[in-house]
């Protein structure tokens, strides 16, 4: 319970905003308080989404992180970021299947 209180205090005092995250760039100092809260909410959502993806067995690549960075900055919606990742993954899987099929037709 103490850890939860400490985390709440860090977020409330915006100390967490100054800490870099493993995947995303640091928040701008020019944002007002509401914008900072929105940034942190989007960043937590993006980090959680990437963690869920990794738990599913797919580590996020630079392109995926780039889509979610745009979401964190507020440039695109979460639905748009997820849609772009799905499209990217579909293209990667198609290319991989074509590679596998090419190898099996050579036998």
N, C-alpha and C. Protein backbone atom coordinates (compact mmCIF):
# COMPACT_ATOMS: atom_id res chain seq x y z
N UNK A 1 0.83 -1.19 0.00
CA UNK A 1 0.00 0.00 0.00
C UNK A 1 0.88 1.26 0.00
N UNK A 2 1.98 1.20 0.70
CA UNK A 2 2.88 2.35 0.76
C UNK A 2 3.44 2.67 -0.64
N UNK A 3 3.76 1.63 -1.40
CA UNK A 3 4.29 1.83 -2.76
C UNK A 3 3.26 2.54 -3.64
N UNK A 4 1.99 2.16 -3.49
CA UNK A 4 0.93 2.81 -4.28
C UNK A 4 0.84 4.29 -3.91
N UNK A 5 0.93 4.60 -2.61
CA UNK A 5 0.87 5.98 -2.16
C UNK A 5 2.04 6.77 -2.72
N UNK A 6 3.24 6.16 -2.69
CA UNK A 6 4.43 6.84 -3.20
C UNK A 6 4.31 7.10 -4.70
N UNK A 7 3.82 6.13 -5.44
CA UNK A 7 3.63 6.31 -6.88
C UNK A 7 2.64 7.43 -7.15
N UNK A 8 1.53 7.45 -6.40
CA UNK A 8 0.54 8.51 -6.55
C UNK A 8 1.16 9.87 -6.27
N UNK A 9 1.98 9.95 -5.21
CA UNK A 9 2.64 11.21 -4.87
C UNK A 9 3.59 11.65 -5.98
N UNK A 10 4.32 10.71 -6.56
CA UNK A 10 5.23 11.05 -7.65
C UNK A 10 4.49 11.61 -8.85
N UNK A 11 3.40 10.95 -9.23
CA UNK A 11 2.62 11.41 -10.38
C UNK A 11 2.00 12.76 -10.08
N UNK A 12 1.44 12.89 -8.89
CA UNK A 12 0.79 14.14 -8.52
C UNK A 12 1.76 15.31 -8.55
N UNK A 13 2.96 15.07 -8.12
CA UNK A 13 3.96 16.14 -8.08
C UNK A 13 4.76 16.25 -9.37
N UNK A 14 4.40 15.49 -10.37
CA UNK A 14 5.01 15.51 -11.70
C UNK A 14 6.49 15.15 -11.69
N UNK A 15 6.95 14.49 -10.65
CA UNK A 15 8.33 14.03 -10.65
C UNK A 15 8.51 12.91 -11.66
N UNK A 16 7.49 12.10 -11.80
CA UNK A 16 7.54 11.00 -12.75
C UNK A 16 7.67 11.52 -14.18
N UNK A 17 7.14 12.70 -14.43
CA UNK A 17 7.19 13.28 -15.77
C UNK A 17 8.61 13.55 -16.21
N UNK A 18 9.51 13.77 -15.26
CA UNK A 18 10.89 14.07 -15.60
C UNK A 18 11.71 12.81 -15.82
N UNK A 19 11.18 11.66 -15.44
CA UNK A 19 11.90 10.41 -15.60
C UNK A 19 11.72 9.87 -17.02
N UNK A 20 12.80 9.56 -17.71
CA UNK A 20 12.63 8.98 -19.05
C UNK A 20 12.09 7.57 -18.96
N UNK A 21 11.33 7.17 -19.94
CA UNK A 21 10.83 5.81 -19.99
C UNK A 21 11.67 5.05 -21.01
N UNK A 22 11.64 3.73 -20.93
CA UNK A 22 12.48 2.96 -21.84
C UNK A 22 12.13 3.16 -23.31
N UNK A 23 10.89 3.48 -23.60
CA UNK A 23 10.45 3.52 -24.99
C UNK A 23 10.19 4.91 -25.56
N UNK A 24 9.93 5.89 -24.71
CA UNK A 24 9.44 7.16 -25.22
C UNK A 24 10.30 8.34 -24.80
N UNK A 25 10.27 9.38 -25.62
CA UNK A 25 11.04 10.58 -25.31
C UNK A 25 10.41 11.31 -24.13
N UNK A 26 11.19 12.19 -23.55
CA UNK A 26 10.76 12.92 -22.38
C UNK A 26 9.74 13.99 -22.74
N UNK A 27 8.85 14.25 -21.82
CA UNK A 27 7.80 15.25 -22.00
C UNK A 27 8.42 16.65 -22.06
N UNK A 28 7.85 17.49 -22.88
CA UNK A 28 8.31 18.87 -23.00
C UNK A 28 8.00 19.65 -21.73
N UNK A 29 8.90 20.55 -21.37
CA UNK A 29 8.68 21.42 -20.20
C UNK A 29 7.66 22.52 -20.51
N UNK A 30 7.32 22.68 -21.77
CA UNK A 30 6.43 23.76 -22.18
C UNK A 30 4.95 23.43 -22.03
N UNK A 31 4.63 22.18 -21.65
CA UNK A 31 3.24 21.78 -21.52
C UNK A 31 2.64 22.30 -20.22
N UNK A 32 1.37 22.71 -20.29
CA UNK A 32 0.70 23.13 -19.06
C UNK A 32 0.30 21.89 -18.24
N UNK A 33 -0.26 22.09 -17.08
CA UNK A 33 -0.56 20.98 -16.17
C UNK A 33 -1.52 19.96 -16.79
N UNK A 34 -2.57 20.43 -17.45
CA UNK A 34 -3.52 19.50 -18.08
C UNK A 34 -2.86 18.71 -19.20
N UNK A 35 -2.04 19.38 -19.99
CA UNK A 35 -1.34 18.70 -21.08
C UNK A 35 -0.36 17.66 -20.53
N UNK A 36 0.28 17.96 -19.40
CA UNK A 36 1.19 17.01 -18.77
C UNK A 36 0.43 15.78 -18.30
N UNK A 37 -0.74 15.98 -17.71
CA UNK A 37 -1.55 14.85 -17.26
C UNK A 37 -1.98 13.99 -18.44
N UNK A 38 -2.38 14.64 -19.53
CA UNK A 38 -2.78 13.89 -20.73
C UNK A 38 -1.60 13.10 -21.29
N UNK A 39 -0.43 13.74 -21.35
CA UNK A 39 0.79 13.08 -21.83
C UNK A 39 1.07 11.84 -20.99
N UNK A 40 1.05 11.99 -19.67
CA UNK A 40 1.35 10.86 -18.78
C UNK A 40 0.32 9.74 -18.92
N UNK A 41 -0.94 10.11 -19.10
CA UNK A 41 -1.99 9.09 -19.29
C UNK A 41 -1.74 8.33 -20.59
N UNK A 42 -1.44 9.06 -21.66
CA UNK A 42 -1.17 8.40 -22.93
C UNK A 42 0.10 7.55 -22.85
N UNK A 43 1.10 8.05 -22.15
CA UNK A 43 2.35 7.30 -22.02
C UNK A 43 2.13 6.00 -21.26
N UNK A 44 1.37 6.05 -20.17
CA UNK A 44 1.07 4.82 -19.41
C UNK A 44 0.30 3.84 -20.28
N UNK A 45 -0.66 4.35 -21.03
CA UNK A 45 -1.45 3.49 -21.92
C UNK A 45 -0.55 2.84 -22.96
N UNK A 46 0.33 3.62 -23.56
CA UNK A 46 1.24 3.09 -24.58
C UNK A 46 2.19 2.06 -23.99
N UNK A 47 2.76 2.35 -22.83
CA UNK A 47 3.67 1.40 -22.18
C UNK A 47 2.94 0.09 -21.86
N UNK A 48 1.72 0.20 -21.35
CA UNK A 48 0.94 -1.00 -21.05
C UNK A 48 0.62 -1.79 -22.31
N UNK A 49 0.29 -1.10 -23.38
CA UNK A 49 -0.02 -1.77 -24.65
C UNK A 49 1.19 -2.51 -25.18
N UNK A 50 2.36 -1.88 -25.11
CA UNK A 50 3.59 -2.53 -25.57
C UNK A 50 3.93 -3.73 -24.68
N UNK A 51 3.67 -3.61 -23.38
CA UNK A 51 3.95 -4.71 -22.46
C UNK A 51 3.04 -5.90 -22.78
N UNK A 52 1.78 -5.62 -23.06
CA UNK A 52 0.84 -6.70 -23.42
C UNK A 52 1.28 -7.37 -24.71
N UNK A 53 1.71 -6.57 -25.68
CA UNK A 53 2.21 -7.13 -26.94
C UNK A 53 3.41 -8.04 -26.68
N UNK A 54 4.32 -7.60 -25.81
CA UNK A 54 5.51 -8.39 -25.51
C UNK A 54 5.12 -9.69 -24.79
N UNK A 55 4.14 -9.62 -23.90
CA UNK A 55 3.67 -10.83 -23.22
C UNK A 55 3.08 -11.83 -24.21
N UNK A 56 2.54 -11.32 -25.30
CA UNK A 56 2.00 -12.18 -26.35
C UNK A 56 3.07 -12.79 -27.23
N UNK A 57 4.32 -12.42 -26.98
CA UNK A 57 5.42 -13.03 -27.73
C UNK A 57 6.00 -12.18 -28.83
N UNK A 58 5.51 -10.95 -28.99
CA UNK A 58 6.02 -10.07 -30.04
C UNK A 58 6.63 -8.83 -29.40
N UNK A 59 7.95 -8.77 -29.40
CA UNK A 59 8.63 -7.59 -28.88
C UNK A 59 8.41 -6.43 -29.85
N UNK A 60 8.13 -5.24 -29.34
CA UNK A 60 7.92 -4.10 -30.24
C UNK A 60 9.23 -3.69 -30.91
N UNK A 61 9.14 -3.41 -32.21
CA UNK A 61 10.31 -2.92 -32.93
C UNK A 61 10.28 -1.38 -32.97
N UNK A 62 11.28 -0.78 -33.61
CA UNK A 62 11.36 0.68 -33.64
C UNK A 62 10.15 1.33 -34.32
N UNK A 63 9.64 0.68 -35.35
CA UNK A 63 8.49 1.23 -36.06
C UNK A 63 7.25 1.25 -35.16
N UNK A 64 7.05 0.16 -34.41
CA UNK A 64 5.93 0.09 -33.48
C UNK A 64 6.06 1.16 -32.41
N UNK A 65 7.24 1.29 -31.85
CA UNK A 65 7.47 2.31 -30.82
C UNK A 65 7.23 3.70 -31.39
N UNK A 66 7.61 3.89 -32.64
CA UNK A 66 7.38 5.18 -33.31
C UNK A 66 5.90 5.53 -33.41
N UNK A 67 5.07 4.54 -33.74
CA UNK A 67 3.62 4.79 -33.80
C UNK A 67 3.09 5.22 -32.43
N UNK A 68 3.54 4.52 -31.39
CA UNK A 68 3.06 4.84 -30.05
C UNK A 68 3.65 6.13 -29.53
N UNK A 69 4.85 6.52 -29.99
CA UNK A 69 5.41 7.81 -29.61
C UNK A 69 4.53 8.93 -30.16
N UNK A 70 4.05 8.75 -31.38
CA UNK A 70 3.14 9.74 -31.97
C UNK A 70 1.85 9.83 -31.15
N UNK A 71 1.37 8.69 -30.66
CA UNK A 71 0.18 8.69 -29.79
C UNK A 71 0.48 9.43 -28.49
N UNK A 72 1.60 9.15 -27.88
CA UNK A 72 1.97 9.79 -26.61
C UNK A 72 2.03 11.30 -26.79
N UNK A 73 2.58 11.77 -27.91
CA UNK A 73 2.67 13.21 -28.18
C UNK A 73 1.30 13.81 -28.52
N UNK A 74 0.30 12.97 -28.74
CA UNK A 74 -1.03 13.48 -29.06
C UNK A 74 -1.25 13.74 -30.53
N UNK A 75 -0.37 13.23 -31.38
CA UNK A 75 -0.48 13.46 -32.82
C UNK A 75 -1.52 12.56 -33.47
N UNK A 76 -1.70 11.35 -32.93
CA UNK A 76 -2.68 10.41 -33.46
C UNK A 76 -3.42 9.77 -32.29
N UNK A 77 -4.54 9.14 -32.58
CA UNK A 77 -5.32 8.45 -31.54
C UNK A 77 -4.72 7.08 -31.26
N UNK A 78 -5.14 6.51 -30.14
CA UNK A 78 -4.70 5.16 -29.80
C UNK A 78 -5.18 4.17 -30.86
N UNK A 79 -6.41 4.33 -31.32
CA UNK A 79 -6.95 3.43 -32.36
C UNK A 79 -6.10 3.50 -33.62
N UNK A 80 -5.66 4.69 -33.99
CA UNK A 80 -4.82 4.86 -35.18
C UNK A 80 -3.46 4.17 -34.98
N UNK A 81 -2.86 4.34 -33.80
CA UNK A 81 -1.57 3.70 -33.52
C UNK A 81 -1.70 2.18 -33.58
N UNK A 82 -2.73 1.65 -32.96
CA UNK A 82 -2.95 0.20 -32.97
C UNK A 82 -3.21 -0.29 -34.39
N UNK A 83 -3.99 0.47 -35.15
CA UNK A 83 -4.25 0.11 -36.54
C UNK A 83 -2.98 0.07 -37.37
N UNK A 84 -2.10 1.02 -37.15
CA UNK A 84 -0.84 1.05 -37.90
C UNK A 84 0.04 -0.15 -37.52
N UNK A 85 0.04 -0.51 -36.24
CA UNK A 85 0.82 -1.67 -35.80
C UNK A 85 0.25 -2.94 -36.40
N UNK A 86 -1.07 -3.07 -36.42
CA UNK A 86 -1.70 -4.26 -37.02
C UNK A 86 -1.35 -4.37 -38.49
N UNK A 87 -1.40 -3.26 -39.19
CA UNK A 87 -1.06 -3.25 -40.62
C UNK A 87 0.40 -3.66 -40.82
N UNK A 88 1.28 -3.10 -40.00
CA UNK A 88 2.71 -3.44 -40.08
C UNK A 88 2.92 -4.93 -39.83
N UNK A 89 2.26 -5.47 -38.80
CA UNK A 89 2.42 -6.89 -38.47
C UNK A 89 1.87 -7.77 -39.59
N UNK A 90 0.75 -7.36 -40.18
CA UNK A 90 0.17 -8.14 -41.29
C UNK A 90 1.14 -8.18 -42.47
N UNK A 91 1.77 -7.06 -42.76
CA UNK A 91 2.74 -7.02 -43.86
C UNK A 91 3.94 -7.90 -43.55
N UNK A 92 4.41 -7.86 -42.30
CA UNK A 92 5.55 -8.68 -41.91
C UNK A 92 5.20 -10.16 -42.01
N UNK A 93 4.00 -10.53 -41.55
CA UNK A 93 3.59 -11.94 -41.61
C UNK A 93 3.42 -12.40 -43.05
N UNK A 94 2.89 -11.54 -43.89
CA UNK A 94 2.73 -11.88 -45.30
C UNK A 94 4.09 -12.11 -45.95
N UNK A 95 5.03 -11.22 -45.67
CA UNK A 95 6.37 -11.37 -46.24
C UNK A 95 7.03 -12.65 -45.73
N UNK A 96 6.84 -12.96 -44.47
CA UNK A 96 7.43 -14.17 -43.89
C UNK A 96 6.79 -15.42 -44.51
N UNK A 97 5.47 -15.40 -44.69
CA UNK A 97 4.79 -16.55 -45.32
C UNK A 97 5.26 -16.73 -46.75
N UNK A 98 5.44 -15.63 -47.47
CA UNK A 98 5.93 -15.73 -48.85
C UNK A 98 7.34 -16.32 -48.86
N UNK A 99 8.15 -15.93 -47.91
CA UNK A 99 9.51 -16.47 -47.80
C UNK A 99 9.46 -17.97 -47.54
N UNK A 100 8.60 -18.38 -46.60
CA UNK A 100 8.48 -19.81 -46.29
C UNK A 100 7.96 -20.60 -47.48
N UNK A 101 6.96 -20.06 -48.17
CA UNK A 101 6.41 -20.74 -49.34
C UNK A 101 7.43 -20.84 -50.46
N UNK A 102 8.23 -19.84 -50.63
CA UNK A 102 9.26 -19.86 -51.67
C UNK A 102 10.26 -20.98 -51.37
N UNK A 103 10.62 -21.13 -50.11
CA UNK A 103 11.56 -22.18 -49.71
C UNK A 103 10.99 -23.57 -49.91
N UNK A 104 9.70 -23.75 -49.65
CA UNK A 104 9.10 -25.08 -49.80
C UNK A 104 8.86 -25.46 -51.25
N UNK A 105 8.71 -24.46 -52.14
CA UNK A 105 8.49 -24.77 -53.55
C UNK A 105 9.80 -25.13 -54.26
N UNK A 106 10.92 -24.83 -53.61
CA UNK A 106 12.22 -25.13 -54.22
C UNK A 106 12.63 -26.58 -53.96
N UNK A 107 11.93 -27.27 -53.06
CA UNK A 107 12.32 -28.64 -52.70
C UNK A 107 11.87 -29.62 -53.75
